[in-house]
Amino acid sequence: MAMPEGYRKAVRLMEMADRFGLPVITLVDTAGAYPGIDAEERGQAEAIARSTDCCLGLGVPIVAVIIGEGGSGGAVAIATANRILMLEHAIYSVISPEGAASIIWRDSAKKEEAATAMKITAQDLEELGVIDGIVSEPVGGAHRDPKSTIDALGTAIALALAEFDAMPPDRVRRQRHDRFLQMGRNL
């Protein structure tokens, strides 16, 4: 789980990429930000908010790839992107199924019911327009054949970035901003 310092480091690197005109690629695999008291004392919420704000303000294209679990604001903080891709067996949500079940039904044992209702799979999220594409995995998962997964992912990222060739920074920024404003209206 990411700590506040990790988000601050990500912001510094994203700002550097923006200064040099380099696209940002984020690989997301986190259950969320670390929820401990010590992380909150060091400004976890503020670091997540600044990371999300940084993503919205960059003039270079951002492509986020959910490669495992994209959970909570911790994932959104580095996945506020022009294009969001997911590996076929990854999940992406604003809260864990256990957390949602404990809030809605006051019973975390109903996590499977919550996961189904939340529509956290790549296929559901593509249908809802939350993500832009699904990258196929080999039979048995990405870890069974890392090379083919990396090749497929590289191709998908290159295609996503090609959409922004010669697009001026203000249009790249506006497209990302509009995408997230529209997303809330569509759901």
Protein backbone atom coordinates (compact mmCIF):
# COMPACT_ATOMS: atom_id res chain seq x y z
CA MET A 1 0.00 0.00 0.00
CA ALA A 2 1.25 3.44 -0.88
CA MET A 3 2.34 5.93 1.74
CA PRO A 4 2.12 9.75 1.51
CA GLU A 5 5.78 9.96 0.52
CA GLY A 6 5.13 7.68 -2.47
CA TYR A 7 2.41 9.97 -3.80
CA ARG A 8 4.65 13.00 -3.30
CA LYS A 9 7.42 11.26 -5.22
CA ALA A 10 4.96 10.42 -8.02
CA VAL A 11 3.93 14.08 -8.21
CA ARG A 12 7.57 15.18 -8.52
CA LEU A 13 8.17 12.68 -11.32
CA MET A 14 4.97 13.60 -13.17
CA GLU A 15 5.85 17.29 -12.97
CA MET A 16 9.34 16.52 -14.31
CA ALA A 17 7.84 14.55 -17.21
CA ASP A 18 5.60 17.53 -17.96
CA ARG A 19 8.58 19.92 -18.00
CA PHE A 20 10.40 17.69 -20.49
CA GLY A 21 7.32 16.94 -22.60
CA LEU A 22 7.34 13.22 -21.83
CA PRO A 23 4.11 11.22 -21.56
CA VAL A 24 3.30 9.64 -18.21
CA ILE A 25 2.53 5.93 -17.95
CA THR A 26 1.31 4.64 -14.61
CA LEU A 27 1.04 0.97 -13.69
CA VAL A 28 -1.55 0.61 -10.96
CA ASP A 29 -1.59 -2.33 -8.59
CA THR A 30 -2.64 -1.21 -5.15
CA ALA A 31 -5.43 -2.06 -2.75
CA GLY A 32 -5.35 1.65 -1.91
CA ALA A 33 -3.41 4.04 0.20
CA TYR A 34 -2.08 2.81 3.53
CA PRO A 35 -4.85 3.50 6.08
CA GLY A 36 -2.69 3.70 9.22
CA ILE A 37 -2.68 6.54 11.72
CA ASP A 38 0.98 7.28 11.00
CA ALA A 39 0.21 7.76 7.29
CA GLU A 40 -2.65 10.11 8.13
CA GLU A 41 -0.37 12.05 10.48
CA ARG A 42 2.04 12.48 7.56
CA GLY A 43 -0.72 13.82 5.29
CA GLN A 44 -2.03 10.82 3.34
CA ALA A 45 -5.28 12.51 2.24
CA GLU A 46 -3.46 15.68 1.20
CA ALA A 47 -0.86 13.70 -0.77
CA ILE A 48 -3.60 11.79 -2.64
CA ALA A 49 -5.46 15.02 -3.41
CA ARG A 50 -2.30 16.70 -4.70
CA SER A 51 -1.48 13.69 -6.87
CA THR A 52 -4.96 13.70 -8.41
CA ASP A 53 -4.73 17.46 -8.95
CA CYS A 54 -1.30 17.08 -10.53
CA CYS A 55 -2.64 14.48 -12.97
CA LEU A 56 -5.45 16.82 -13.98
CA GLY A 57 -3.03 19.70 -14.57
CA LEU A 58 -0.35 18.05 -16.71
CA GLY A 59 -0.08 19.07 -20.35
CA VAL A 60 1.37 15.72 -21.44
CA PRO A 61 -0.72 12.62 -22.11
CA ILE A 62 -1.20 10.17 -19.25
CA VAL A 63 -1.98 6.50 -19.81
CA ALA A 64 -2.86 4.48 -16.71
CA VAL A 65 -2.86 0.71 -16.74
CA ILE A 66 -4.58 -1.27 -14.00
CA ILE A 67 -2.43 -4.40 -13.85
CA GLY A 68 -3.86 -6.06 -10.74
CA GLU A 69 -5.96 -4.26 -8.20
CA GLY A 70 -6.80 -0.60 -8.50
CA GLY A 71 -8.43 0.25 -5.23
CA SER A 72 -9.67 3.38 -3.53
CA GLY A 73 -8.45 6.94 -3.85
CA GLY A 74 -4.94 5.56 -3.74
CA ALA A 75 -5.41 4.17 -7.25
CA VAL A 76 -7.35 7.16 -8.56
CA ALA A 77 -4.47 9.40 -7.44
CA ILE A 78 -2.23 7.90 -10.13
CA ALA A 79 -4.91 6.81 -12.61
CA THR A 80 -6.49 10.16 -13.41
CA ALA A 81 -5.46 9.78 -17.03
CA ASN A 82 -6.36 10.52 -20.64
CA ARG A 83 -6.63 6.80 -21.29
CA ILE A 84 -7.18 4.00 -18.78
CA LEU A 85 -6.41 0.43 -19.78
CA MET A 86 -6.88 -2.72 -17.72
CA LEU A 87 -5.48 -6.19 -17.89
CA GLU A 88 -8.36 -8.55 -18.52
CA HIS A 89 -8.41 -10.04 -15.00
CA ALA A 90 -7.69 -6.84 -13.05
CA ILE A 91 -10.18 -5.01 -10.83
CA TYR A 92 -10.72 -1.28 -10.26
CA SER A 93 -12.96 0.35 -7.67
CA VAL A 94 -13.20 3.28 -5.28
CA ILE A 95 -13.61 0.98 -2.28
CA SER A 96 -12.88 -2.67 -1.60
CA PRO A 97 -15.81 -5.09 -1.81
CA GLU A 98 -15.30 -5.84 1.90
CA GLY A 99 -15.48 -2.13 2.73
CA ALA A 100 -18.57 -1.62 0.62
CA ALA A 101 -20.29 -4.66 2.16
CA SER A 102 -19.53 -3.46 5.67
CA ILE A 103 -20.98 -0.02 4.89
CA ILE A 104 -24.07 -1.14 2.94
CA TRP A 105 -25.02 -4.34 4.77
CA ARG A 106 -22.90 -3.96 7.91
CA ASP A 107 -21.46 -7.36 7.06
CA SER A 108 -18.10 -7.70 5.29
CA ALA A 109 -18.92 -11.36 4.58
CA LYS A 110 -21.20 -10.10 1.78
CA LYS A 111 -18.12 -9.02 -0.19
CA GLU A 112 -18.97 -11.18 -3.23
CA GLU A 113 -22.43 -9.64 -3.46
CA ALA A 114 -20.86 -6.19 -3.15
CA ALA A 115 -18.24 -6.93 -5.82
CA THR A 116 -20.94 -8.00 -8.27
CA ALA A 117 -23.03 -4.91 -7.57
CA MET A 118 -20.02 -2.60 -7.82
CA LYS A 119 -19.06 -3.82 -11.31
CA ILE A 120 -15.31 -3.83 -10.70
CA THR A 121 -14.19 -6.08 -13.56
CA ALA A 122 -12.50 -4.81 -16.70
CA GLN A 123 -15.44 -5.95 -18.82
CA ASP A 124 -18.00 -4.11 -16.66
CA LEU A 125 -15.91 -0.95 -16.49
CA GLU A 126 -15.35 -0.86 -20.24
CA GLU A 127 -19.10 -1.19 -20.78
CA LEU A 128 -19.70 1.68 -18.34
CA GLY A 129 -17.10 3.84 -20.10
CA VAL A 130 -14.85 4.11 -17.05
CA ILE A 131 -11.91 2.51 -18.88
CA ASP A 132 -10.92 2.72 -22.52
CA GLY A 133 -9.63 -0.74 -23.25
CA ILE A 134 -8.90 -4.23 -22.02
CA VAL A 135 -5.53 -5.88 -22.62
CA SER A 136 -5.88 -9.64 -23.02
CA GLU A 137 -3.92 -11.92 -20.72
CA PRO A 138 -2.56 -15.37 -21.55
CA VAL A 139 -4.46 -18.42 -20.30
CA GLY A 140 -3.88 -18.64 -16.56
CA GLY A 141 -3.06 -14.94 -16.15
CA ALA A 142 -0.32 -12.47 -16.97
CA HIS A 143 2.22 -14.17 -14.72
CA ARG A 144 2.06 -17.35 -16.85
CA ASP A 145 3.57 -15.59 -19.87
CA PRO A 146 5.03 -12.21 -18.88
CA LYS A 147 6.66 -11.59 -22.26
CA SER A 148 3.42 -11.81 -24.25
CA THR A 149 1.65 -9.69 -21.63
CA ILE A 150 4.37 -7.03 -21.82
CA ASP A 151 4.24 -7.08 -25.63
CA ALA A 152 0.43 -6.70 -25.66
CA LEU A 153 0.57 -3.96 -23.06
CA GLY A 154 3.30 -2.10 -24.96
CA THR A 155 1.21 -2.16 -28.12
CA ALA A 156 -1.90 -0.94 -26.27
CA ILE A 157 0.02 1.91 -24.61
CA ALA A 158 1.61 2.96 -27.92
CA LEU A 159 -1.82 3.06 -29.60
CA ALA A 160 -3.26 5.10 -26.72
CA LEU A 161 -0.38 7.60 -26.86
CA ALA A 162 -0.63 7.91 -30.65
CA GLU A 163 -4.06 9.53 -30.20
CA PHE A 164 -2.30 12.53 -28.65
CA ASP A 165 0.48 13.02 -31.20
CA ALA A 166 0.71 16.68 -32.15
CA MET A 167 -2.11 17.61 -29.75
CA PRO A 168 -1.22 20.83 -27.90
CA PRO A 169 -0.83 20.60 -24.10
CA ASP A 170 -3.94 22.65 -23.36
CA ARG A 171 -6.09 20.24 -25.43
CA VAL A 172 -4.50 17.19 -23.75
CA ARG A 173 -5.25 18.72 -20.35
CA ARG A 174 -8.81 19.70 -21.36
CA GLN A 175 -9.55 16.22 -22.74
CA ARG A 176 -8.50 14.61 -19.45
CA HIS A 177 -10.48 17.11 -17.40
CA ASP A 178 -13.61 16.73 -19.54
CA ARG A 179 -13.32 12.94 -19.44
CA PHE A 180 -13.65 12.86 -15.66
CA LEU A 181 -16.41 15.45 -15.55
CA GLN A 182 -18.39 13.48 -18.14
CA MET A 183 -17.79 10.17 -16.37
CA GLY A 184 -19.91 11.22 -13.41
CA ARG A 185 -22.74 12.29 -15.68
CA ASN A 186 -22.83 8.95 -17.51
CA LEU A 187 -23.13 6.68 -14.49
